[in-house]
């Protein structure tokens, strides 16, 4: 089945067999945008889960000053 226009640059193109959708073609730019959005949503969910664990008392918050954080990033220190 041939779609009208058929350009993945503008919008997804549905591939059909006997008028039944069998697949979808999208541009690399659209794919990358979808993947980026999913990664952002995963990071948001992880952050919200962390906040929930803190609110439930399952995790604790440790205040760190910038110099301690820099040392930790360099592998030279760990929080007490």
PDB file of N, CA and C in Angstrom:
ATOM      1  N   UNK A   1       0.845  -1.172   0.000  1.00  0.00           N
ATOM      2  CA  UNK A   1       0.000   0.000   0.000  1.00  0.00           C
ATOM      3  C   UNK A   1       0.889   1.233   0.000  1.00  0.00           C
ATOM      4  N   UNK A   2       0.588   2.175  -0.814  1.00  0.00           N
ATOM      5  CA  UNK A   2       1.388   3.380  -0.926  1.00  0.00           C
ATOM      6  C   UNK A   2       0.667   4.525  -0.228  1.00  0.00           C
ATOM      7  N   UNK A   3       1.392   5.233   0.658  1.00  0.00           N
ATOM      8  CA  UNK A   3       0.755   6.350   1.355  1.00  0.00           C
ATOM      9  C   UNK A   3       0.819   7.600   0.501  1.00  0.00           C
ATOM     10  N   UNK A   4      -0.093   8.517   0.750  1.00  0.00           N
ATOM     11  CA  UNK A   4      -0.084   9.789   0.048  1.00  0.00           C
ATOM     12  C   UNK A   4       1.052  10.621   0.614  1.00  0.00           C
ATOM     13  N   UNK A   5       1.884  11.162  -0.239  1.00  0.00           N
ATOM     14  CA  UNK A   5       3.029  11.936   0.219  1.00  0.00           C
ATOM     15  C   UNK A   5       4.206  11.026   0.510  1.00  0.00           C
ATOM     16  N   UNK A   6       4.045  10.111   1.434  1.00  0.00           N
ATOM     17  CA  UNK A   6       5.035   9.091   1.727  1.00  0.00           C
ATOM     18  C   UNK A   6       6.396   9.568   2.181  1.00  0.00           C
ATOM     19  N   UNK A   7       6.478  10.758   2.746  1.00  0.00           N
ATOM     20  CA  UNK A   7       7.764  11.274   3.160  1.00  0.00           C
ATOM     21  C   UNK A   7       7.891  11.180   4.669  1.00  0.00           C
ATOM     22  N   UNK A   8       8.859  10.407   5.141  1.00  0.00           N
ATOM     23  CA  UNK A   8       9.061  10.254   6.577  1.00  0.00           C
ATOM     24  C   UNK A   8       9.578  11.527   7.218  1.00  0.00           C
ATOM     25  N   UNK A   9      10.092  12.452   6.424  1.00  0.00           N
ATOM     26  CA  UNK A   9      10.584  13.705   6.973  1.00  0.00           C
ATOM     27  C   UNK A   9       9.451  14.497   7.615  1.00  0.00           C
ATOM     28  N   UNK A  10       8.297  14.479   6.993  1.00  0.00           N
ATOM     29  CA  UNK A  10       7.160  15.266   7.451  1.00  0.00           C
ATOM     30  C   UNK A  10       6.333  14.581   8.533  1.00  0.00           C
ATOM     31  N   UNK A  11       6.177  13.294   8.409  1.00  0.00           N
ATOM     32  CA  UNK A  11       5.341  12.545   9.359  1.00  0.00           C
ATOM     33  C   UNK A  11       5.611  11.048   9.188  1.00  0.00           C
ATOM     34  N   UNK A  12       5.211  10.262  10.188  1.00  0.00           N
ATOM     35  CA  UNK A  12       5.387   8.807  10.052  1.00  0.00           C
ATOM     36  C   UNK A  12       4.611   8.265   8.852  1.00  0.00           C
ATOM     37  N   UNK A  13       5.137   7.207   8.266  1.00  0.00           N
ATOM     38  CA  UNK A  13       4.479   6.537   7.146  1.00  0.00           C
ATOM     39  C   UNK A  13       4.118   5.130   7.612  1.00  0.00           C
ATOM     40  N   UNK A  14       2.854   4.782   7.513  1.00  0.00           N
ATOM     41  CA  UNK A  14       2.382   3.457   7.921  1.00  0.00           C
ATOM     42  C   UNK A  14       2.515   2.513   6.730  1.00  0.00           C
ATOM     43  N   UNK A  15       3.160   1.387   6.974  1.00  0.00           N
ATOM     44  CA  UNK A  15       3.280   0.327   5.976  1.00  0.00           C
ATOM     45  C   UNK A  15       2.156  -0.664   6.262  1.00  0.00           C
ATOM     46  N   UNK A  16       1.398  -1.007   5.237  1.00  0.00           N
ATOM     47  CA  UNK A  16       0.259  -1.898   5.441  1.00  0.00           C
ATOM     48  C   UNK A  16       0.338  -3.096   4.508  1.00  0.00           C
ATOM     49  N   UNK A  17      -0.195  -4.189   4.994  1.00  0.00           N
ATOM     50  CA  UNK A  17      -0.374  -5.394   4.201  1.00  0.00           C
ATOM     51  C   UNK A  17      -1.857  -5.723   4.224  1.00  0.00           C
ATOM     52  N   UNK A  18      -2.455  -5.754   3.044  1.00  0.00           N
ATOM     53  CA  UNK A  18      -3.902  -5.997   2.934  1.00  0.00           C
ATOM     54  C   UNK A  18      -4.696  -5.050   3.822  1.00  0.00           C
ATOM     55  N   UNK A  19      -4.321  -3.783   3.777  1.00  0.00           N
ATOM     56  CA  UNK A  19      -4.977  -2.719   4.535  1.00  0.00           C
ATOM     57  C   UNK A  19      -4.883  -2.881   6.051  1.00  0.00           C
ATOM     58  N   UNK A  20      -3.945  -3.698   6.526  1.00  0.00           N
ATOM     59  CA  UNK A  20      -3.700  -3.852   7.957  1.00  0.00           C
ATOM     60  C   UNK A  20      -2.321  -3.288   8.262  1.00  0.00           C
ATOM     61  N   UNK A  21      -2.224  -2.328   9.186  1.00  0.00           N
ATOM     62  CA  UNK A  21      -0.919  -1.753   9.513  1.00  0.00           C
ATOM     63  C   UNK A  21       0.078  -2.840   9.917  1.00  0.00           C
ATOM     64  N   UNK A  22       1.258  -2.799   9.298  1.00  0.00           N
ATOM     65  CA  UNK A  22       2.290  -3.795   9.577  1.00  0.00           C
ATOM     66  C   UNK A  22       3.572  -3.166  10.114  1.00  0.00           C
ATOM     67  N   UNK A  23       3.715  -1.875   9.960  1.00  0.00           N
ATOM     68  CA  UNK A  23       4.914  -1.199  10.435  1.00  0.00           C
ATOM     69  C   UNK A  23       4.792   0.292  10.223  1.00  0.00           C
ATOM     70  N   UNK A  24       5.767   1.009  10.783  1.00  0.00           N
ATOM     71  CA  UNK A  24       5.790   2.458  10.653  1.00  0.00           C
ATOM     72  C   UNK A  24       7.215   2.896  10.358  1.00  0.00           C
ATOM     73  N   UNK A  25       7.364   3.768   9.384  1.00  0.00           N
ATOM     74  CA  UNK A  25       8.657   4.368   9.064  1.00  0.00           C
ATOM     75  C   UNK A  25       8.664   5.799   9.585  1.00  0.00           C
ATOM     76  N   UNK A  26       9.751   6.165  10.254  1.00  0.00           N
ATOM     77  CA  UNK A  26       9.901   7.541  10.719  1.00  0.00           C
ATOM     78  C   UNK A  26      11.306   8.020  10.378  1.00  0.00           C
ATOM     79  N   UNK A  27      11.476   9.319  10.341  1.00  0.00           N
ATOM     80  CA  UNK A  27      12.781   9.890  10.031  1.00  0.00           C
ATOM     81  C   UNK A  27      13.735   9.675  11.208  1.00  0.00           C
ATOM     82  N   UNK A  28      15.027   9.687  10.942  1.00  0.00           N
ATOM     83  CA  UNK A  28      15.994   9.586  12.043  1.00  0.00           C
ATOM     84  C   UNK A  28      15.815  10.713  13.065  1.00  0.00           C
ATOM     85  N   UNK A  29      15.474  11.907  12.603  1.00  0.00           N
ATOM     86  CA  UNK A  29      15.275  13.027  13.525  1.00  0.00           C
ATOM     87  C   UNK A  29      14.099  12.767  14.467  1.00  0.00           C
ATOM     88  N   UNK A  30      13.013  12.223  13.916  1.00  0.00           N
ATOM     89  CA  UNK A  30      11.850  11.913  14.745  1.00  0.00           C
ATOM     90  C   UNK A  30      12.190  10.794  15.736  1.00  0.00           C
ATOM     91  N   UNK A  31      12.924   9.792  15.271  1.00  0.00           N
ATOM     92  CA  UNK A  31      13.341   8.694  16.152  1.00  0.00           C
ATOM     93  C   UNK A  31      14.180   9.236  17.305  1.00  0.00           C
ATOM     94  N   UNK A  32      15.157  10.100  16.981  1.00  0.00           N
ATOM     95  CA  UNK A  32      16.028  10.660  18.018  1.00  0.00           C
ATOM     96  C   UNK A  32      15.226  11.488  19.011  1.00  0.00           C
ATOM     97  N   UNK A  33      14.246  12.241  18.532  1.00  0.00           N
ATOM     98  CA  UNK A  33      13.403  13.027  19.428  1.00  0.00           C
ATOM     99  C   UNK A  33      12.606  12.117  20.366  1.00  0.00           C
ATOM    100  N   UNK A  34      12.102  11.025  19.850  1.00  0.00           N
ATOM    101  CA  UNK A  34      11.350  10.067  20.674  1.00  0.00           C
ATOM    102  C   UNK A  34      12.260   9.454  21.731  1.00  0.00           C
ATOM    103  N   UNK A  35      13.450   9.030  21.327  1.00  0.00           N
ATOM    104  CA  UNK A  35      14.393   8.426  22.274  1.00  0.00           C
ATOM    105  C   UNK A  35      14.798   9.440  23.343  1.00  0.00           C
ATOM    106  N   UNK A  36      15.085  10.675  22.942  1.00  0.00           N
ATOM    107  CA  UNK A  36      15.443  11.714  23.913  1.00  0.00           C
ATOM    108  C   UNK A  36      14.324  11.929  24.922  1.00  0.00           C
ATOM    109  N   UNK A  37      13.097  11.965  24.436  1.00  0.00           N
ATOM    110  CA  UNK A  37      11.959  12.175  25.339  1.00  0.00           C
ATOM    111  C   UNK A  37      11.805  11.008  26.316  1.00  0.00           C
ATOM    112  N   UNK A  38      11.979   9.790  25.833  1.00  0.00           N
ATOM    113  CA  UNK A  38      11.894   8.624  26.720  1.00  0.00           C
ATOM    114  C   UNK A  38      12.984   8.648  27.778  1.00  0.00           C
ATOM    115  N   UNK A  39      14.196   9.048  27.376  1.00  0.00           N
ATOM    116  CA  UNK A  39      15.293   9.137  28.343  1.00  0.00           C
ATOM    117  C   UNK A  39      15.003  10.201  29.393  1.00  0.00           C
ATOM    118  N   UNK A  40      14.446  11.344  28.963  1.00  0.00           N
ATOM    119  CA  UNK A  40      14.075  12.395  29.914  1.00  0.00           C
ATOM    120  C   UNK A  40      13.005  11.900  30.878  1.00  0.00           C
ATOM    121  N   UNK A  41      12.019  11.160  30.365  1.00  0.00           N
ATOM    122  CA  UNK A  41      10.958  10.640  31.226  1.00  0.00           C
ATOM    123  C   UNK A  41      11.502   9.612  32.208  1.00  0.00           C
ATOM    124  N   UNK A  42      12.439   8.771  31.762  1.00  0.00           N
ATOM    125  CA  UNK A  42      13.061   7.804  32.671  1.00  0.00           C
ATOM    126  C   UNK A  42      13.800   8.516  33.801  1.00  0.00           C
ATOM    127  N   UNK A  43      14.536   9.584  33.461  1.00  0.00           N
ATOM    128  CA  UNK A  43      15.263  10.344  34.478  1.00  0.00           C
ATOM    129  C   UNK A  43      14.291  11.000  35.458  1.00  0.00           C
ATOM    130  N   UNK A  44      13.173  11.523  34.958  1.00  0.00           N
ATOM    131  CA  UNK A  44      12.164  12.130  35.813  1.00  0.00           C
ATOM    132  C   UNK A  44      11.561  11.095  36.757  1.00  0.00           C
ATOM    133  N   UNK A  45      11.248   9.924  36.236  1.00  0.00           N
ATOM    134  CA  UNK A  45      10.683   8.852  37.070  1.00  0.00           C
ATOM    135  C   UNK A  45      11.677   8.443  38.150  1.00  0.00           C
ATOM    136  N   UNK A  46      12.964   8.316  37.790  1.00  0.00           N
ATOM    137  CA  UNK A  46      13.987   7.970  38.788  1.00  0.00           C
ATOM    138  C   UNK A  46      14.052   9.027  39.887  1.00  0.00           C
ATOM    139  N   UNK A  47      14.011  10.304  39.488  1.00  0.00           N
ATOM    140  CA  UNK A  47      14.044  11.380  40.478  1.00  0.00           C
ATOM    141  C   UNK A  47      12.831  11.365  41.385  1.00  0.00           C
ATOM    142  N   UNK A  48      11.662  11.153  40.809  1.00  0.00           N
ATOM    143  CA  UNK A  48      10.441  11.092  41.615  1.00  0.00           C
ATOM    144  C   UNK A  48      10.448   9.889  42.558  1.00  0.00           C
ATOM    145  N   UNK A  49      10.969   8.758  42.096  1.00  0.00           N
ATOM    146  CA  UNK A  49      11.087   7.584  42.977  1.00  0.00           C
ATOM    147  C   UNK A  49      12.031   7.869  44.136  1.00  0.00           C
ATOM    148  N   UNK A  50      13.112   8.592  43.870  1.00  0.00           N
ATOM    149  CA  UNK A  50      14.041   8.968  44.946  1.00  0.00           C
ATOM    150  C   UNK A  50      13.353   9.863  45.966  1.00  0.00           C
ATOM    151  N   UNK A  51      12.604  10.853  45.482  1.00  0.00           N
ATOM    152  CA  UNK A  51      11.869  11.728  46.398  1.00  0.00           C
ATOM    153  C   UNK A  51      10.852  10.946  47.228  1.00  0.00           C
ATOM    154  N   UNK A  52      10.186   9.987  46.621  1.00  0.00           N
ATOM    155  CA  UNK A  52       9.226   9.156  47.340  1.00  0.00           C
ATOM    156  C   UNK A  52       9.920   8.331  48.418  1.00  0.00           C
ATOM    157  N   UNK A  53      11.072   7.754  48.095  1.00  0.00           N
ATOM    158  CA  UNK A  53      11.815   6.975  49.084  1.00  0.00           C
ATOM    159  C   UNK A  53      12.275   7.851  50.249  1.00  0.00           C
ATOM    160  N   UNK A  54      12.682   9.080  49.959  1.00  0.00           N
ATOM    161  CA  UNK A  54      13.077  10.008  51.021  1.00  0.00           C
ATOM    162  C   UNK A  54      11.862  10.349  51.877  1.00  0.00           C
ATOM    163  N   UNK A  55      10.730  10.636  51.250  1.00  0.00           N
ATOM    164  CA  UNK A  55       9.511  10.988  51.992  1.00  0.00           C
ATOM    165  C   UNK A  55       9.034   9.839  52.875  1.00  0.00           C
ATOM    166  N   UNK A  56       9.251   8.611  52.420  1.00  0.00           N
ATOM    167  CA  UNK A  56       8.846   7.437  53.206  1.00  0.00           C
ATOM    168  C   UNK A  56       9.864   7.098  54.296  1.00  0.00           C
ATOM    169  N   UNK A  57      11.006   7.764  54.286  1.00  0.00           N
ATOM    170  CA  UNK A  57      12.056   7.464  55.256  1.00  0.00           C
ATOM    171  C   UNK A  57      12.899   6.267  54.867  1.00  0.00           C
ATOM    172  N   UNK A  58      12.781   5.833  53.634  1.00  0.00           N
ATOM    173  CA  UNK A  58      13.543   4.678  53.153  1.00  0.00           C
ATOM    174  C   UNK A  58      14.970   5.068  52.758  1.00  0.00           C
ATOM    175  N   UNK A  59      15.171   6.337  52.463  1.00  0.00           N
ATOM    176  CA  UNK A  59      16.489   6.873  52.109  1.00  0.00           C
ATOM    177  C   UNK A  59      16.696   8.148  52.904  1.00  0.00           C
ATOM    178  N   UNK A  60      17.956   8.507  53.106  1.00  0.00           N
ATOM    179  CA  UNK A  60      18.236   9.751  53.803  1.00  0.00           C
ATOM    180  C   UNK A  60      18.995  10.702  52.895  1.00  0.00           C
ATOM    181  N   UNK A  61      18.887  11.974  53.208  1.00  0.00           N
ATOM    182  CA  UNK A  61      19.554  13.005  52.428  1.00  0.00           C
ATOM    183  C   UNK A  61      20.833  13.402  53.160  1.00  0.00           C
ATOM    184  N   UNK A  62      21.919  13.477  52.435  1.00  0.00           N
ATOM    185  CA  UNK A  62      23.199  13.905  53.000  1.00  0.00           C
ATOM    186  C   UNK A  62      23.559  15.236  52.351  1.00  0.00           C
ATOM    187  N   UNK A  63      23.736  16.281  53.149  1.00  0.00           N
ATOM    188  CA  UNK A  63      24.139  17.583  52.627  1.00  0.00           C
ATOM    189  C   UNK A  63      25.637  17.564  52.338  1.00  0.00           C
ATOM    190  N   UNK A  64      25.994  17.973  51.147  1.00  0.00           N
ATOM    191  CA  UNK A  64      27.399  18.016  50.749  1.00  0.00           C
ATOM    192  C   UNK A  64      27.755  19.422  50.288  1.00  0.00           C
ATOM    193  N   UNK A  65      28.942  19.856  50.641  1.00  0.00           N
ATOM    194  CA  UNK A  65      29.404  21.140  50.134  1.00  0.00           C
ATOM    195  C   UNK A  65      30.115  20.899  48.796  1.00  0.00           C
ATOM    196  N   UNK A  66      30.282  21.944  47.998  1.00  0.00           N
ATOM    197  CA  UNK A  66      30.880  21.774  46.667  1.00  0.00           C
ATOM    198  C   UNK A  66      32.265  21.124  46.659  1.00  0.00           C
ATOM    199  N   UNK A  67      33.098  21.437  47.648  1.00  0.00           N
ATOM    200  CA  UNK A  67      34.436  20.846  47.650  1.00  0.00           C
ATOM    201  C   UNK A  67      34.384  19.344  47.904  1.00  0.00           C
ATOM    202  N   UNK A  68      33.456  18.898  48.750  1.00  0.00           N
ATOM    203  CA  UNK A  68      33.294  17.463  48.990  1.00  0.00           C
ATOM    204  C   UNK A  68      32.772  16.779  47.733  1.00  0.00           C
ATOM    205  N   UNK A  69      31.853  17.427  47.035  1.00  0.00           N
ATOM    206  CA  UNK A  69      31.324  16.859  45.800  1.00  0.00           C
ATOM    207  C   UNK A  69      32.416  16.730  44.740  1.00  0.00           C
ATOM    208  N   UNK A  70      33.267  17.740  44.633  1.00  0.00           N
ATOM    209  CA  UNK A  70      34.372  17.677  43.673  1.00  0.00           C
ATOM    210  C   UNK A  70      35.327  16.545  44.017  1.00  0.00           C
ATOM    211  N   UNK A  71      35.610  16.368  45.316  1.00  0.00           N
ATOM    212  CA  UNK A  71      36.489  15.284  45.741  1.00  0.00           C
ATOM    213  C   UNK A  71      35.865  13.928  45.443  1.00  0.00           C
ATOM    214  N   UNK A  72      34.557  13.808  45.668  1.00  0.00           N
ATOM    215  CA  UNK A  72      33.867  12.552  45.382  1.00  0.00           C
ATOM    216  C   UNK A  72      33.909  12.247  43.875  1.00  0.00           C
ATOM    217  N   UNK A  73      33.706  13.291  43.052  1.00  0.00           N
ATOM    218  CA  UNK A  73      33.730  13.099  41.599  1.00  0.00           C
ATOM    219  C   UNK A  73      35.117  12.643  41.137  1.00  0.00           C
ATOM    220  N   UNK A  74      36.139  13.083  41.842  1.00  0.00           N
ATOM    221  CA  UNK A  74      37.506  12.698  41.510  1.00  0.00           C
ATOM    222  C   UNK A  74      37.873  11.348  42.123  1.00  0.00           C
ATOM    223  N   UNK A  75      36.960  10.785  42.907  1.00  0.00           N
ATOM    224  CA  UNK A  75      37.215   9.479  43.531  1.00  0.00           C
ATOM    225  C   UNK A  75      38.076   9.575  44.775  1.00  0.00           C
ATOM    226  N   UNK A  76      38.163  10.749  45.398  1.00  0.00           N
ATOM    227  CA  UNK A  76      39.041  10.948  46.549  1.00  0.00           C
ATOM    228  C   UNK A  76      38.347  10.952  47.891  1.00  0.00           C
ATOM    229  N   UNK A  77      37.050  10.965  47.922  1.00  0.00           N
ATOM    230  CA  UNK A  77      36.360  11.027  49.207  1.00  0.00           C
ATOM    231  C   UNK A  77      34.993  10.392  49.108  1.00  0.00           C
ATOM    232  N   UNK A  78      34.466  10.017  50.253  1.00  0.00           N
ATOM    233  CA  UNK A  78      33.112   9.469  50.322  1.00  0.00           C
ATOM    234  C   UNK A  78      32.407  10.158  51.472  1.00  0.00           C
ATOM    235  N   UNK A  79      31.103  10.355  51.375  1.00  0.00           N
ATOM    236  CA  UNK A  79      30.395  11.005  52.494  1.00  0.00           C
ATOM    237  C   UNK A  79      30.402  10.120  53.732  1.00  0.00           C
ATOM    238  N   UNK A  80      30.412  10.755  54.875  1.00  0.00           N
ATOM    239  CA  UNK A  80      30.431  10.025  56.159  1.00  0.00           C
ATOM    240  C   UNK A  80      29.062   9.531  56.514  1.00  0.00           C
TER     241      UNK A  80
END
